[in-house]
Structures are given as structure tokens and as C-alpha cells.
Amino acid sequence: MKNVLWLIVGVGVGFVAAHQIAKTPQGKQFFDDVNGKAHDFGNAIVEGYKQREAELRAVVSD
């Protein structure tokens, strides 16, 4: 139970720190870059999934 409390405290402190950092121009740029990279990664996953799904559907159709 004590470990769960420390986990919750750590997550809360992390959110507060990230919020304070995001208020600065450098912090905003950093989080914008991270967000853009995460978005690109997600799009690549979706694109790969759709390509593989199309390949498998083509094989099943034959």
C-alpha cells in the first residue's frame, strides 16, 4: 500500500513539473516535438496495420 502511495505522489509531482515546464517557450517547443513524434509514430502504426490487413484480405479472397 505504501508503494502505491509513492507511485501516486510521483505521478502527481511529474504532472505538476511538466505543467510548469510547458509554460516556458523551450518547454512548449519540447512538448510540441514529443507530441508530433508520437503522432507520426501512431500514424505509422495505423498505416502498417491497414497495409497488412489489405495483404491478408487479398490472400483470403484468392
N, C-alpha and C. Protein backbone atom coordinates (compact mmCIF):
# COMPACT_ATOMS: atom_id res chain seq x y z
N MET A 1 0.82 -1.19 0.00
CA MET A 1 0.00 0.00 0.00
C MET A 1 0.87 1.25 0.00
N LYS A 2 1.97 1.18 0.73
CA LYS A 2 2.88 2.33 0.80
C LYS A 2 3.49 2.62 -0.57
N ASN A 3 3.79 1.55 -1.33
CA ASN A 3 4.36 1.73 -2.66
C ASN A 3 3.36 2.39 -3.61
N VAL A 4 2.10 2.05 -3.48
CA VAL A 4 1.07 2.66 -4.32
C VAL A 4 0.96 4.15 -4.01
N LEU A 5 1.05 4.50 -2.75
CA LEU A 5 1.00 5.91 -2.37
C LEU A 5 2.17 6.67 -2.99
N TRP A 6 3.37 6.10 -2.94
CA TRP A 6 4.54 6.75 -3.53
C TRP A 6 4.40 6.87 -5.04
N LEU A 7 3.80 5.87 -5.66
CA LEU A 7 3.55 5.94 -7.10
C LEU A 7 2.62 7.10 -7.43
N ILE A 8 1.54 7.23 -6.69
CA ILE A 8 0.57 8.31 -6.91
C ILE A 8 1.22 9.67 -6.69
N VAL A 9 2.01 9.78 -5.63
CA VAL A 9 2.72 11.04 -5.36
C VAL A 9 3.68 11.36 -6.50
N GLY A 10 4.41 10.38 -6.97
CA GLY A 10 5.36 10.58 -8.07
C GLY A 10 4.69 11.02 -9.35
N VAL A 11 3.56 10.40 -9.67
CA VAL A 11 2.82 10.79 -10.87
C VAL A 11 2.31 12.22 -10.73
N GLY A 12 1.80 12.56 -9.56
CA GLY A 12 1.32 13.93 -9.33
C GLY A 12 2.42 14.96 -9.45
N VAL A 13 3.57 14.68 -8.86
CA VAL A 13 4.71 15.60 -8.96
C VAL A 13 5.16 15.73 -10.42
N GLY A 14 5.14 14.63 -11.14
CA GLY A 14 5.52 14.66 -12.56
C GLY A 14 4.59 15.52 -13.38
N PHE A 15 3.29 15.42 -13.12
CA PHE A 15 2.33 16.26 -13.84
C PHE A 15 2.53 17.73 -13.53
N VAL A 16 2.74 18.04 -12.28
CA VAL A 16 2.96 19.44 -11.89
C VAL A 16 4.23 19.97 -12.55
N ALA A 17 5.29 19.18 -12.52
CA ALA A 17 6.56 19.61 -13.13
C ALA A 17 6.40 19.81 -14.63
N ALA A 18 5.73 18.88 -15.30
CA ALA A 18 5.52 19.01 -16.74
C ALA A 18 4.70 20.24 -17.07
N HIS A 19 3.70 20.53 -16.26
CA HIS A 19 2.86 21.71 -16.48
C HIS A 19 3.69 22.98 -16.34
N GLN A 20 4.55 23.04 -15.35
CA GLN A 20 5.40 24.22 -15.15
C GLN A 20 6.41 24.36 -16.29
N ILE A 21 6.98 23.26 -16.73
CA ILE A 21 7.95 23.30 -17.82
C ILE A 21 7.28 23.72 -19.12
N ALA A 22 6.05 23.26 -19.35
CA ALA A 22 5.33 23.59 -20.58
C ALA A 22 4.99 25.07 -20.67
N LYS A 23 5.06 25.79 -19.59
CA LYS A 23 4.77 27.23 -19.61
C LYS A 23 5.91 28.04 -20.23
N THR A 24 7.12 27.47 -20.28
CA THR A 24 8.25 28.19 -20.86
C THR A 24 8.29 27.95 -22.37
N PRO A 25 8.87 28.87 -23.14
CA PRO A 25 8.95 28.66 -24.60
C PRO A 25 9.72 27.38 -24.97
N GLN A 26 10.82 27.12 -24.27
CA GLN A 26 11.59 25.91 -24.57
C GLN A 26 10.81 24.65 -24.19
N GLY A 27 10.11 24.71 -23.09
CA GLY A 27 9.30 23.58 -22.67
C GLY A 27 8.15 23.31 -23.62
N LYS A 28 7.51 24.38 -24.08
CA LYS A 28 6.42 24.24 -25.05
C LYS A 28 6.94 23.61 -26.33
N GLN A 29 8.10 24.07 -26.80
CA GLN A 29 8.70 23.51 -28.01
C GLN A 29 9.02 22.02 -27.81
N PHE A 30 9.56 21.68 -26.66
CA PHE A 30 9.89 20.29 -26.36
C PHE A 30 8.65 19.41 -26.41
N PHE A 31 7.59 19.84 -25.73
CA PHE A 31 6.38 19.02 -25.70
C PHE A 31 5.69 18.98 -27.06
N ASP A 32 5.79 20.06 -27.84
CA ASP A 32 5.26 20.04 -29.20
C ASP A 32 6.01 19.02 -30.06
N ASP A 33 7.34 18.98 -29.90
CA ASP A 33 8.14 18.00 -30.64
C ASP A 33 7.78 16.57 -30.24
N VAL A 34 7.65 16.33 -28.95
CA VAL A 34 7.29 14.99 -28.46
C VAL A 34 5.91 14.60 -28.98
N ASN A 35 4.97 15.55 -28.95
CA ASN A 35 3.62 15.27 -29.42
C ASN A 35 3.63 14.96 -30.92
N GLY A 36 4.39 15.71 -31.69
CA GLY A 36 4.48 15.47 -33.13
C GLY A 36 5.07 14.10 -33.44
N LYS A 37 6.12 13.72 -32.72
CA LYS A 37 6.74 12.41 -32.94
C LYS A 37 5.80 11.28 -32.55
N ALA A 38 5.07 11.46 -31.47
CA ALA A 38 4.10 10.44 -31.05
C ALA A 38 2.98 10.31 -32.08
N HIS A 39 2.55 11.44 -32.62
CA HIS A 39 1.50 11.43 -33.65
C HIS A 39 2.01 10.71 -34.91
N ASP A 40 3.24 11.02 -35.34
CA ASP A 40 3.82 10.36 -36.50
C ASP A 40 3.95 8.86 -36.27
N PHE A 41 4.38 8.47 -35.08
CA PHE A 41 4.52 7.05 -34.75
C PHE A 41 3.16 6.35 -34.82
N GLY A 42 2.14 6.98 -34.25
CA GLY A 42 0.80 6.40 -34.28
C GLY A 42 0.29 6.25 -35.70
N ASN A 43 0.54 7.25 -36.54
CA ASN A 43 0.12 7.16 -37.94
C ASN A 43 0.84 6.03 -38.66
N ALA A 44 2.12 5.83 -38.37
CA ALA A 44 2.88 4.75 -38.99
C ALA A 44 2.32 3.39 -38.58
N ILE A 45 1.93 3.26 -37.33
CA ILE A 45 1.34 2.00 -36.85
C ILE A 45 0.02 1.73 -37.58
N VAL A 46 -0.81 2.74 -37.69
CA VAL A 46 -2.10 2.58 -38.37
C VAL A 46 -1.90 2.23 -39.84
N GLU A 47 -0.96 2.92 -40.49
CA GLU A 47 -0.70 2.65 -41.90
C GLU A 47 -0.20 1.22 -42.10
N GLY A 48 0.71 0.77 -41.26
CA GLY A 48 1.22 -0.60 -41.35
C GLY A 48 0.12 -1.63 -41.11
N TYR A 49 -0.74 -1.35 -40.15
CA TYR A 49 -1.85 -2.25 -39.86
C TYR A 49 -2.77 -2.37 -41.08
N LYS A 50 -3.09 -1.23 -41.67
CA LYS A 50 -4.00 -1.23 -42.83
C LYS A 50 -3.38 -1.95 -44.02
N GLN A 51 -2.06 -1.75 -44.24
CA GLN A 51 -1.39 -2.45 -45.33
C GLN A 51 -1.42 -3.96 -45.11
N ARG A 52 -1.11 -4.37 -43.91
CA ARG A 52 -1.10 -5.81 -43.61
C ARG A 52 -2.50 -6.40 -43.73
N GLU A 53 -3.49 -5.66 -43.26
CA GLU A 53 -4.87 -6.12 -43.37
C GLU A 53 -5.25 -6.30 -44.84
N ALA A 54 -4.86 -5.35 -45.69
CA ALA A 54 -5.17 -5.45 -47.12
C ALA A 54 -4.47 -6.66 -47.74
N GLU A 55 -3.22 -6.91 -47.35
CA GLU A 55 -2.49 -8.08 -47.85
C GLU A 55 -3.20 -9.37 -47.46
N LEU A 56 -3.61 -9.47 -46.22
CA LEU A 56 -4.28 -10.69 -45.75
C LEU A 56 -5.64 -10.86 -46.40
N ARG A 57 -6.36 -9.78 -46.58
CA ARG A 57 -7.66 -9.89 -47.26
C ARG A 57 -7.49 -10.33 -48.71
N ALA A 58 -6.43 -9.86 -49.37
CA ALA A 58 -6.18 -10.26 -50.75
C ALA A 58 -5.87 -11.75 -50.83
N VAL A 59 -5.11 -12.27 -49.88
CA VAL A 59 -4.78 -13.70 -49.86
C VAL A 59 -6.03 -14.53 -49.61
N VAL A 60 -6.87 -14.09 -48.71
CA VAL A 60 -8.09 -14.84 -48.38
C VAL A 60 -9.06 -14.81 -49.56
N SER A 61 -9.09 -13.72 -50.30
CA SER A 61 -10.01 -13.59 -51.43
C SER A 61 -9.64 -14.51 -52.58
N ASP A 62 -8.35 -14.83 -52.71
CA ASP A 62 -7.90 -15.66 -53.84
C ASP A 62 -8.29 -17.07 -53.70
